[in-house]
Amino acid sequence: MGMIYDALMLFLQVLKFFIIAHFILSWLISFQVLNIRQPIVSQIWFGLGRILEPIYGPIRRILPTFSGIDLSPMVAIFAVIILERALMRNAGFFFGY
């Protein structure tokens, strides 16, 4: 059972990394530090978008629009942190304590 715990924690950490990378990339593209017409930037941007859209989509449907500001990454990060902490607090279930 400890392996399941480790796998879940690793998945949440990777997901958190992807969300932060997508957020930073969006700012770099917005301020024209990076250009979406560059092949590597385009591949990373659209790849992260495909990975994170199943998470962002339901959040975007629930949240109201804020004049061009997308708050779904912030809500997703909060949800991942809450899930990580919930797993840590209930680690005894996985290790049989």
PDB file of N, CA and C in Angstrom:
ATOM      1  N   MET A   1       0.818  -1.200   0.000  1.00  0.00           N
ATOM      2  CA  MET A   1       0.000   0.000   0.000  1.00  0.00           C
ATOM      3  C   MET A   1       0.860   1.263   0.000  1.00  0.00           C
ATOM      4  N   GLY A   2       2.050   1.145   0.544  1.00  0.00           N
ATOM      5  CA  GLY A   2       2.934   2.305   0.557  1.00  0.00           C
ATOM      6  C   GLY A   2       3.318   2.737  -0.846  1.00  0.00           C
ATOM      7  N   MET A   3       3.354   1.769  -1.760  1.00  0.00           N
ATOM      8  CA  MET A   3       3.687   2.095  -3.145  1.00  0.00           C
ATOM      9  C   MET A   3       2.578   2.923  -3.790  1.00  0.00           C
ATOM     10  N   ILE A   4       1.335   2.655  -3.432  1.00  0.00           N
ATOM     11  CA  ILE A   4       0.210   3.446  -3.950  1.00  0.00           C
ATOM     12  C   ILE A   4       0.310   4.879  -3.449  1.00  0.00           C
ATOM     13  N   TYR A   5       0.640   5.019  -2.171  1.00  0.00           N
ATOM     14  CA  TYR A   5       0.820   6.349  -1.591  1.00  0.00           C
ATOM     15  C   TYR A   5       1.916   7.112  -2.328  1.00  0.00           C
ATOM     16  N   ASP A   6       3.062   6.462  -2.530  1.00  0.00           N
ATOM     17  CA  ASP A   6       4.177   7.106  -3.233  1.00  0.00           C
ATOM     18  C   ASP A   6       3.799   7.477  -4.661  1.00  0.00           C
ATOM     19  N   ALA A   7       3.061   6.604  -5.340  1.00  0.00           N
ATOM     20  CA  ALA A   7       2.647   6.883  -6.714  1.00  0.00           C
ATOM     21  C   ALA A   7       1.686   8.067  -6.765  1.00  0.00           C
ATOM     22  N   LEU A   8       0.752   8.126  -5.819  1.00  0.00           N
ATOM     23  CA  LEU A   8      -0.188   9.252  -5.782  1.00  0.00           C
ATOM     24  C   LEU A   8       0.527  10.567  -5.485  1.00  0.00           C
ATOM     25  N   MET A   9       1.458  10.529  -4.549  1.00  0.00           N
ATOM     26  CA  MET A   9       2.200  11.753  -4.223  1.00  0.00           C
ATOM     27  C   MET A   9       3.061  12.204  -5.410  1.00  0.00           C
ATOM     28  N   LEU A  10       3.686  11.257  -6.095  1.00  0.00           N
ATOM     29  CA  LEU A  10       4.485  11.600  -7.271  1.00  0.00           C
ATOM     30  C   LEU A  10       3.607  12.188  -8.366  1.00  0.00           C
ATOM     31  N   PHE A  11       2.445  11.591  -8.599  1.00  0.00           N
ATOM     32  CA  PHE A  11       1.515  12.112  -9.598  1.00  0.00           C
ATOM     33  C   PHE A  11       1.100  13.544  -9.262  1.00  0.00           C
ATOM     34  N   LEU A  12       0.788  13.815  -8.003  1.00  0.00           N
ATOM     35  CA  LEU A  12       0.373  15.162  -7.617  1.00  0.00           C
ATOM     36  C   LEU A  12       1.522  16.161  -7.745  1.00  0.00           C
ATOM     37  N   GLN A  13       2.747  15.747  -7.438  1.00  0.00           N
ATOM     38  CA  GLN A  13       3.894  16.641  -7.586  1.00  0.00           C
ATOM     39  C   GLN A  13       4.167  16.965  -9.053  1.00  0.00           C
ATOM     40  N   VAL A  14       4.065  15.969  -9.918  1.00  0.00           N
ATOM     41  CA  VAL A  14       4.262  16.202 -11.355  1.00  0.00           C
ATOM     42  C   VAL A  14       3.154  17.102 -11.893  1.00  0.00           C
ATOM     43  N   LEU A  15       1.926  16.862 -11.451  1.00  0.00           N
ATOM     44  CA  LEU A  15       0.809  17.698 -11.873  1.00  0.00           C
ATOM     45  C   LEU A  15       1.011  19.143 -11.430  1.00  0.00           C
ATOM     46  N   LYS A  16       1.498  19.334 -10.209  1.00  0.00           N
ATOM     47  CA  LYS A  16       1.773  20.680  -9.713  1.00  0.00           C
ATOM     48  C   LYS A  16       2.868  21.350 -10.549  1.00  0.00           C
ATOM     49  N   PHE A  17       3.893  20.596 -10.918  1.00  0.00           N
ATOM     50  CA  PHE A  17       4.951  21.132 -11.772  1.00  0.00           C
ATOM     51  C   PHE A  17       4.402  21.559 -13.130  1.00  0.00           C
ATOM     52  N   PHE A  18       3.547  20.719 -13.736  1.00  0.00           N
ATOM     53  CA  PHE A  18       2.956  21.055 -15.029  1.00  0.00           C
ATOM     54  C   PHE A  18       2.101  22.322 -14.941  1.00  0.00           C
ATOM     55  N   ILE A  19       1.334  22.469 -13.878  1.00  0.00           N
ATOM     56  CA  ILE A  19       0.485  23.653 -13.723  1.00  0.00           C
ATOM     57  C   ILE A  19       1.341  24.904 -13.583  1.00  0.00           C
ATOM     58  N   ILE A  20       2.390  24.826 -12.781  1.00  0.00           N
ATOM     59  CA  ILE A  20       3.270  25.986 -12.600  1.00  0.00           C
ATOM     60  C   ILE A  20       4.001  26.312 -13.901  1.00  0.00           C
ATOM     61  N   ALA A  21       4.474  25.291 -14.611  1.00  0.00           N
ATOM     62  CA  ALA A  21       5.158  25.522 -15.889  1.00  0.00           C
ATOM     63  C   ALA A  21       4.212  26.150 -16.904  1.00  0.00           C
ATOM     64  N   HIS A  22       2.972  25.693 -16.954  1.00  0.00           N
ATOM     65  CA  HIS A  22       1.977  26.253 -17.877  1.00  0.00           C
ATOM     66  C   HIS A  22       1.681  27.702 -17.521  1.00  0.00           C
ATOM     67  N   PHE A  23       1.589  27.989 -16.238  1.00  0.00           N
ATOM     68  CA  PHE A  23       1.322  29.355 -15.779  1.00  0.00           C
ATOM     69  C   PHE A  23       2.467  30.291 -16.167  1.00  0.00           C
ATOM     70  N   ILE A  24       3.701  29.869 -15.894  1.00  0.00           N
ATOM     71  CA  ILE A  24       4.865  30.705 -16.225  1.00  0.00           C
ATOM     72  C   ILE A  24       4.977  30.885 -17.737  1.00  0.00           C
ATOM     73  N   LEU A  25       4.746  29.826 -18.487  1.00  0.00           N
ATOM     74  CA  LEU A  25       4.807  29.910 -19.942  1.00  0.00           C
ATOM     75  C   LEU A  25       3.750  30.866 -20.487  1.00  0.00           C
ATOM     76  N   SER A  26       2.566  30.854 -19.883  1.00  0.00           N
ATOM     77  CA  SER A  26       1.516  31.771 -20.345  1.00  0.00           C
ATOM     78  C   SER A  26       1.915  33.227 -20.128  1.00  0.00           C
ATOM     79  N   TRP A  27       2.570  33.506 -19.007  1.00  0.00           N
ATOM     80  CA  TRP A  27       3.028  34.874 -18.764  1.00  0.00           C
ATOM     81  C   TRP A  27       4.144  35.254 -19.734  1.00  0.00           C
ATOM     82  N   LEU A  28       5.072  34.351 -19.981  1.00  0.00           N
ATOM     83  CA  LEU A  28       6.161  34.646 -20.916  1.00  0.00           C
ATOM     84  C   LEU A  28       5.634  34.880 -22.330  1.00  0.00           C
ATOM     85  N   ILE A  29       4.597  34.149 -22.723  1.00  0.00           N
ATOM     86  CA  ILE A  29       3.989  34.364 -24.036  1.00  0.00           C
ATOM     87  C   ILE A  29       3.207  35.671 -24.045  1.00  0.00           C
ATOM     88  N   SER A  30       2.513  35.981 -22.956  1.00  0.00           N
ATOM     89  CA  SER A  30       1.730  37.220 -22.890  1.00  0.00           C
ATOM     90  C   SER A  30       2.608  38.458 -23.004  1.00  0.00           C
ATOM     91  N   PHE A  31       3.767  38.421 -22.348  1.00  0.00           N
ATOM     92  CA  PHE A  31       4.665  39.569 -22.383  1.00  0.00           C
ATOM     93  C   PHE A  31       5.664  39.504 -23.531  1.00  0.00           C
ATOM     94  N   GLN A  32       5.440  38.590 -24.461  1.00  0.00           N
ATOM     95  CA  GLN A  32       6.204  38.429 -25.690  1.00  0.00           C
ATOM     96  C   GLN A  32       7.686  38.178 -25.449  1.00  0.00           C
ATOM     97  N   VAL A  33       7.982  37.513 -24.355  1.00  0.00           N
ATOM     98  CA  VAL A  33       9.346  37.047 -24.135  1.00  0.00           C
ATOM     99  C   VAL A  33       9.578  35.809 -24.996  1.00  0.00           C
ATOM    100  N   LEU A  34       8.546  34.970 -25.068  1.00  0.00           N
ATOM    101  CA  LEU A  34       8.564  33.805 -25.947  1.00  0.00           C
ATOM    102  C   LEU A  34       7.507  33.993 -27.026  1.00  0.00           C
ATOM    103  N   ASN A  35       7.774  33.400 -28.171  1.00  0.00           N
ATOM    104  CA  ASN A  35       6.860  33.521 -29.297  1.00  0.00           C
ATOM    105  C   ASN A  35       6.245  32.153 -29.574  1.00  0.00           C
ATOM    106  N   ILE A  36       4.929  32.113 -29.720  1.00  0.00           N
ATOM    107  CA  ILE A  36       4.209  30.859 -29.943  1.00  0.00           C
ATOM    108  C   ILE A  36       4.541  30.272 -31.322  1.00  0.00           C
ATOM    109  N   ARG A  37       5.108  31.072 -32.221  1.00  0.00           N
ATOM    110  CA  ARG A  37       5.470  30.574 -33.553  1.00  0.00           C
ATOM    111  C   ARG A  37       6.765  29.780 -33.557  1.00  0.00           C
ATOM    112  N   GLN A  38       7.504  29.805 -32.450  1.00  0.00           N
ATOM    113  CA  GLN A  38       8.696  28.969 -32.346  1.00  0.00           C
ATOM    114  C   GLN A  38       8.243  27.531 -32.129  1.00  0.00           C
ATOM    115  N   PRO A  39       8.790  26.574 -32.873  1.00  0.00           N
ATOM    116  CA  PRO A  39       8.283  25.195 -32.808  1.00  0.00           C
ATOM    117  C   PRO A  39       8.327  24.572 -31.412  1.00  0.00           C
ATOM    118  N   ILE A  40       9.433  24.741 -30.691  1.00  0.00           N
ATOM    119  CA  ILE A  40       9.536  24.108 -29.371  1.00  0.00           C
ATOM    120  C   ILE A  40       8.577  24.743 -28.379  1.00  0.00           C
ATOM    121  N   VAL A  41       8.441  26.055 -28.433  1.00  0.00           N
ATOM    122  CA  VAL A  41       7.510  26.752 -27.544  1.00  0.00           C
ATOM    123  C   VAL A  41       6.086  26.323 -27.862  1.00  0.00           C
ATOM    124  N   SER A  42       5.781  26.227 -29.137  1.00  0.00           N
ATOM    125  CA  SER A  42       4.444  25.803 -29.557  1.00  0.00           C
ATOM    126  C   SER A  42       4.140  24.388 -29.088  1.00  0.00           C
ATOM    127  N   GLN A  43       5.091  23.481 -29.232  1.00  0.00           N
ATOM    128  CA  GLN A  43       4.870  22.096 -28.806  1.00  0.00           C
ATOM    129  C   GLN A  43       4.671  22.002 -27.301  1.00  0.00           C
ATOM    130  N   ILE A  44       5.480  22.715 -26.538  1.00  0.00           N
ATOM    131  CA  ILE A  44       5.342  22.685 -25.080  1.00  0.00           C
ATOM    132  C   ILE A  44       4.014  23.301 -24.669  1.00  0.00           C
ATOM    133  N   TRP A  45       3.657  24.444 -25.268  1.00  0.00           N
ATOM    134  CA  TRP A  45       2.424  25.143 -24.914  1.00  0.00           C
ATOM    135  C   TRP A  45       1.190  24.287 -25.193  1.00  0.00           C
ATOM    136  N   PHE A  46       1.112  23.740 -26.391  1.00  0.00           N
ATOM    137  CA  PHE A  46      -0.064  22.947 -26.738  1.00  0.00           C
ATOM    138  C   PHE A  46      -0.068  21.589 -26.024  1.00  0.00           C
ATOM    139  N   GLY A  47       1.107  21.032 -25.770  1.00  0.00           N
ATOM    140  CA  GLY A  47       1.184  19.784 -25.015  1.00  0.00           C
ATOM    141  C   GLY A  47       0.699  19.946 -23.590  1.00  0.00           C
ATOM    142  N   LEU A  48       1.168  21.008 -22.928  1.00  0.00           N
ATOM    143  CA  LEU A  48       0.689  21.274 -21.570  1.00  0.00           C
ATOM    144  C   LEU A  48      -0.796  21.598 -21.564  1.00  0.00           C
ATOM    145  N   GLY A  49      -1.248  22.293 -22.593  1.00  0.00           N
ATOM    146  CA  GLY A  49      -2.671  22.608 -22.688  1.00  0.00           C
ATOM    147  C   GLY A  49      -3.530  21.360 -22.797  1.00  0.00           C
ATOM    148  N   ARG A  50      -3.064  20.390 -23.581  1.00  0.00           N
ATOM    149  CA  ARG A  50      -3.812  19.133 -23.717  1.00  0.00           C
ATOM    150  C   ARG A  50      -3.808  18.326 -22.424  1.00  0.00           C
ATOM    151  N   ILE A  51      -2.706  18.365 -21.712  1.00  0.00           N
ATOM    152  CA  ILE A  51      -2.623  17.637 -20.450  1.00  0.00           C
ATOM    153  C   ILE A  51      -3.514  18.278 -19.389  1.00  0.00           C
ATOM    154  N   LEU A  52      -3.518  19.609 -19.336  1.00  0.00           N
ATOM    155  CA  LEU A  52      -4.197  20.305 -18.240  1.00  0.00           C
ATOM    156  C   LEU A  52      -5.635  20.695 -18.537  1.00  0.00           C
ATOM    157  N   GLU A  53      -6.070  20.627 -19.774  1.00  0.00           N
ATOM    158  CA  GLU A  53      -7.445  21.025 -20.093  1.00  0.00           C
ATOM    159  C   GLU A  53      -8.505  20.187 -19.378  1.00  0.00           C
ATOM    160  N   PRO A  54      -8.319  18.872 -19.200  1.00  0.00           N
ATOM    161  CA  PRO A  54      -9.328  18.129 -18.429  1.00  0.00           C
ATOM    162  C   PRO A  54      -9.452  18.606 -16.975  1.00  0.00           C
ATOM    163  N   ILE A  55      -8.415  19.235 -16.458  1.00  0.00           N
ATOM    164  CA  ILE A  55      -8.476  19.778 -15.097  1.00  0.00           C
ATOM    165  C   ILE A  55      -9.042  21.192 -15.119  1.00  0.00           C
ATOM    166  N   TYR A  56      -8.559  22.007 -16.054  1.00  0.00           N
ATOM    167  CA  TYR A  56      -8.996  23.401 -16.128  1.00  0.00           C
ATOM    168  C   TYR A  56     -10.444  23.542 -16.600  1.00  0.00           C
ATOM    169  N   GLY A  57     -10.898  22.673 -17.490  1.00  0.00           N
ATOM    170  CA  GLY A  57     -12.233  22.799 -18.083  1.00  0.00           C
ATOM    171  C   GLY A  57     -13.356  22.862 -17.064  1.00  0.00           C
ATOM    172  N   PRO A  58     -13.473  21.879 -16.165  1.00  0.00           N
ATOM    173  CA  PRO A  58     -14.546  21.952 -15.166  1.00  0.00           C
ATOM    174  C   PRO A  58     -14.416  23.159 -14.232  1.00  0.00           C
ATOM    175  N   ILE A  59     -13.176  23.543 -13.925  1.00  0.00           N
ATOM    176  CA  ILE A  59     -12.980  24.711 -13.058  1.00  0.00           C
ATOM    177  C   ILE A  59     -13.442  25.972 -13.773  1.00  0.00           C
ATOM    178  N   ARG A  60     -13.142  26.092 -15.066  1.00  0.00           N
ATOM    179  CA  ARG A  60     -13.561  27.268 -15.833  1.00  0.00           C
ATOM    180  C   ARG A  60     -15.077  27.362 -15.954  1.00  0.00           C
ATOM    181  N   ARG A  61     -15.758  26.213 -16.012  1.00  0.00           N
ATOM    182  CA  ARG A  61     -17.217  26.241 -16.083  1.00  0.00           C
ATOM    183  C   ARG A  61     -17.837  26.730 -14.782  1.00  0.00           C
ATOM    184  N   ILE A  62     -17.174  26.467 -13.658  1.00  0.00           N
ATOM    185  CA  ILE A  62     -17.707  26.864 -12.355  1.00  0.00           C
ATOM    186  C   ILE A  62     -17.381  28.320 -12.034  1.00  0.00           C
ATOM    187  N   LEU A  63     -16.143  28.736 -12.311  1.00  0.00           N
ATOM    188  CA  LEU A  63     -15.712  30.094 -11.965  1.00  0.00           C
ATOM    189  C   LEU A  63     -16.335  31.135 -12.892  1.00  0.00           C
ATOM    190  N   PRO A  64     -16.676  32.292 -12.351  1.00  0.00           N
ATOM    191  CA  PRO A  64     -17.127  33.376 -13.233  1.00  0.00           C
ATOM    192  C   PRO A  64     -15.937  33.973 -13.991  1.00  0.00           C
ATOM    193  N   THR A  65     -16.200  34.644 -15.086  1.00  0.00           N
ATOM    194  CA  THR A  65     -15.123  35.263 -15.873  1.00  0.00           C
ATOM    195  C   THR A  65     -14.682  36.563 -15.213  1.00  0.00           C
ATOM    196  N   PHE A  66     -13.385  36.811 -15.257  1.00  0.00           N
ATOM    197  CA  PHE A  66     -12.797  38.002 -14.661  1.00  0.00           C
ATOM    198  C   PHE A  66     -12.048  38.802 -15.709  1.00  0.00           C
ATOM    199  N   SER A  67     -12.734  39.302 -16.692  1.00  0.00           N
ATOM    200  CA  SER A  67     -12.203  40.183 -17.741  1.00  0.00           C
ATOM    201  C   SER A  67     -10.818  39.759 -18.244  1.00  0.00           C
ATOM    202  N   GLY A  68     -10.727  38.539 -18.729  1.00  0.00           N
ATOM    203  CA  GLY A  68      -9.494  38.075 -19.353  1.00  0.00           C
ATOM    204  C   GLY A  68      -8.510  37.401 -18.420  1.00  0.00           C
ATOM    205  N   ILE A  69      -8.792  37.353 -17.134  1.00  0.00           N
ATOM    206  CA  ILE A  69      -7.889  36.706 -16.189  1.00  0.00           C
ATOM    207  C   ILE A  69      -8.403  35.296 -15.932  1.00  0.00           C
ATOM    208  N   ASP A  70      -7.547  34.326 -16.156  1.00  0.00           N
ATOM    209  CA  ASP A  70      -7.918  32.925 -15.960  1.00  0.00           C
ATOM    210  C   ASP A  70      -7.435  32.477 -14.582  1.00  0.00           C
ATOM    211  N   LEU A  71      -8.367  32.231 -13.689  1.00  0.00           N
ATOM    212  CA  LEU A  71      -8.023  31.816 -12.337  1.00  0.00           C
ATOM    213  C   LEU A  71      -8.016  30.306 -12.148  1.00  0.00           C
ATOM    214  N   SER A  72      -8.285  29.567 -13.213  1.00  0.00           N
ATOM    215  CA  SER A  72      -8.342  28.112 -13.080  1.00  0.00           C
ATOM    216  C   SER A  72      -6.998  27.483 -12.678  1.00  0.00           C
ATOM    217  N   PRO A  73      -5.829  27.981 -13.119  1.00  0.00           N
ATOM    218  CA  PRO A  73      -4.579  27.392 -12.619  1.00  0.00           C
ATOM    219  C   PRO A  73      -4.404  27.564 -11.112  1.00  0.00           C
ATOM    220  N   MET A  74      -4.820  28.711 -10.586  1.00  0.00           N
ATOM    221  CA  MET A  74      -4.697  28.952  -9.155  1.00  0.00           C
ATOM    222  C   MET A  74      -5.591  28.001  -8.366  1.00  0.00           C
ATOM    223  N   VAL A  75      -6.819  27.810  -8.836  1.00  0.00           N
ATOM    224  CA  VAL A  75      -7.736  26.894  -8.172  1.00  0.00           C
ATOM    225  C   VAL A  75      -7.217  25.458  -8.278  1.00  0.00           C
ATOM    226  N   ALA A  76      -6.652  25.098  -9.427  1.00  0.00           N
ATOM    227  CA  ALA A  76      -6.114  23.750  -9.610  1.00  0.00           C
ATOM    228  C   ALA A  76      -4.925  23.505  -8.685  1.00  0.00           C
ATOM    229  N   ILE A  77      -4.049  24.496  -8.539  1.00  0.00           N
ATOM    230  CA  ILE A  77      -2.909  24.359  -7.623  1.00  0.00           C
ATOM    231  C   ILE A  77      -3.402  24.186  -6.193  1.00  0.00           C
ATOM    232  N   PHE A  78      -4.397  24.986  -5.787  1.00  0.00           N
ATOM    233  CA  PHE A  78      -4.957  24.842  -4.442  1.00  0.00           C
ATOM    234  C   PHE A  78      -5.532  23.450  -4.233  1.00  0.00           C
ATOM    235  N   ALA A  79      -6.225  22.936  -5.246  1.00  0.00           N
ATOM    236  CA  ALA A  79      -6.813  21.602  -5.139  1.00  0.00           C
ATOM    237  C   ALA A  79      -5.728  20.534  -5.013  1.00  0.00           C
ATOM    238  N   VAL A  80      -4.647  20.668  -5.773  1.00  0.00           N
ATOM    239  CA  VAL A  80      -3.550  19.699  -5.698  1.00  0.00           C
ATOM    240  C   VAL A  80      -2.886  19.755  -4.319  1.00  0.00           C
ATOM    241  N   ILE A  81      -2.673  20.954  -3.796  1.00  0.00           N
ATOM    242  CA  ILE A  81      -2.061  21.096  -2.466  1.00  0.00           C
ATOM    243  C   ILE A  81      -2.968  20.490  -1.398  1.00  0.00           C
ATOM    244  N   ILE A  82      -4.260  20.724  -1.507  1.00  0.00           N
ATOM    245  CA  ILE A  82      -5.204  20.151  -0.544  1.00  0.00           C
ATOM    246  C   ILE A  82      -5.182  18.622  -0.626  1.00  0.00           C
ATOM    247  N   LEU A  83      -5.138  18.079  -1.840  1.00  0.00           N
ATOM    248  CA  LEU A  83      -5.064  16.621  -1.993  1.00  0.00           C
ATOM    249  C   LEU A  83      -3.764  16.055  -1.422  1.00  0.00           C
ATOM    250  N   GLU A  84      -2.652  16.758  -1.646  1.00  0.00           N
ATOM    251  CA  GLU A  84      -1.377  16.310  -1.087  1.00  0.00           C
ATOM    252  C   GLU A  84      -1.434  16.269   0.434  1.00  0.00           C
ATOM    253  N   ARG A  85      -1.965  17.326   1.021  1.00  0.00           N
ATOM    254  CA  ARG A  85      -2.034  17.378   2.484  1.00  0.00           C
ATOM    255  C   ARG A  85      -3.009  16.350   3.038  1.00  0.00           C
ATOM    256  N   ALA A  86      -4.103  16.120   2.327  1.00  0.00           N
ATOM    257  CA  ALA A  86      -5.045  15.094   2.775  1.00  0.00           C
ATOM    258  C   ALA A  86      -4.397  13.713   2.728  1.00  0.00           C
ATOM    259  N   LEU A  87      -3.602  13.446   1.695  1.00  0.00           N
ATOM    260  CA  LEU A  87      -2.889  12.172   1.623  1.00  0.00           C
ATOM    261  C   LEU A  87      -1.849  12.046   2.733  1.00  0.00           C
ATOM    262  N   MET A  88      -1.139  13.133   3.014  1.00  0.00           N
ATOM    263  CA  MET A  88      -0.130  13.091   4.070  1.00  0.00           C
ATOM    264  C   MET A  88      -0.771  12.845   5.439  1.00  0.00           C
ATOM    265  N   ARG A  89      -1.905  13.482   5.680  1.00  0.00           N
ATOM    266  CA  ARG A  89      -2.567  13.313   6.983  1.00  0.00           C
ATOM    267  C   ARG A  89      -3.142  11.909   7.147  1.00  0.00           C
ATOM    268  N   ASN A  90      -3.476  11.261   6.046  1.00  0.00           N
ATOM    269  CA  ASN A  90      -4.046   9.920   6.095  1.00  0.00           C
ATOM    270  C   ASN A  90      -3.063   8.864   5.618  1.00  0.00           C
ATOM    271  N   ALA A  91      -1.780   9.134   5.755  1.00  0.00           N
ATOM    272  CA  ALA A  91      -0.753   8.184   5.299  1.00  0.00           C
ATOM    273  C   ALA A  91      -0.812   6.885   6.093  1.00  0.00           C
ATOM    274  N   GLY A  92      -1.320   6.935   7.288  1.00  0.00           N
ATOM    275  CA  GLY A  92      -1.433   5.727   8.106  1.00  0.00           C
ATOM    276  C   GLY A  92      -2.309   4.680   7.448  1.00  0.00           C
ATOM    277  N   PHE A  93      -3.287   5.105   6.681  1.00  0.00           N
ATOM    278  CA  PHE A  93      -4.143   4.172   5.964  1.00  0.00           C
ATOM    279  C   PHE A  93      -3.322   3.350   4.975  1.00  0.00           C
ATOM    280  N   PHE A  94      -2.336   3.991   4.339  1.00  0.00           N
ATOM    281  CA  PHE A  94      -1.546   3.302   3.324  1.00  0.00           C
ATOM    282  C   PHE A  94      -0.471   2.413   3.941  1.00  0.00           C
ATOM    283  N   PHE A  95       0.008   2.807   5.117  1.00  0.00           N
ATOM    284  CA  PHE A  95       1.096   2.062   5.733  1.00  0.00           C
ATOM    285  C   PHE A  95       0.632   1.135   6.848  1.00  0.00           C
ATOM    286  N   GLY A  96      -0.656   1.106   7.144  1.00  0.00           N
ATOM    287  CA  GLY A  96      -1.218   0.184   8.112  1.00  0.00           C
ATOM    288  C   GLY A  96      -1.000   0.554   9.558  1.00  0.00           C
ATOM    289  N   TYR A  97      -0.869   1.863   9.855  1.00  0.00           N
ATOM    290  CA  TYR A  97      -0.686   2.288  11.252  1.00  0.00           C
ATOM    291  C   TYR A  97      -2.013   2.486  11.921  1.00  0.00           C
TER     292      TYR A  97
END
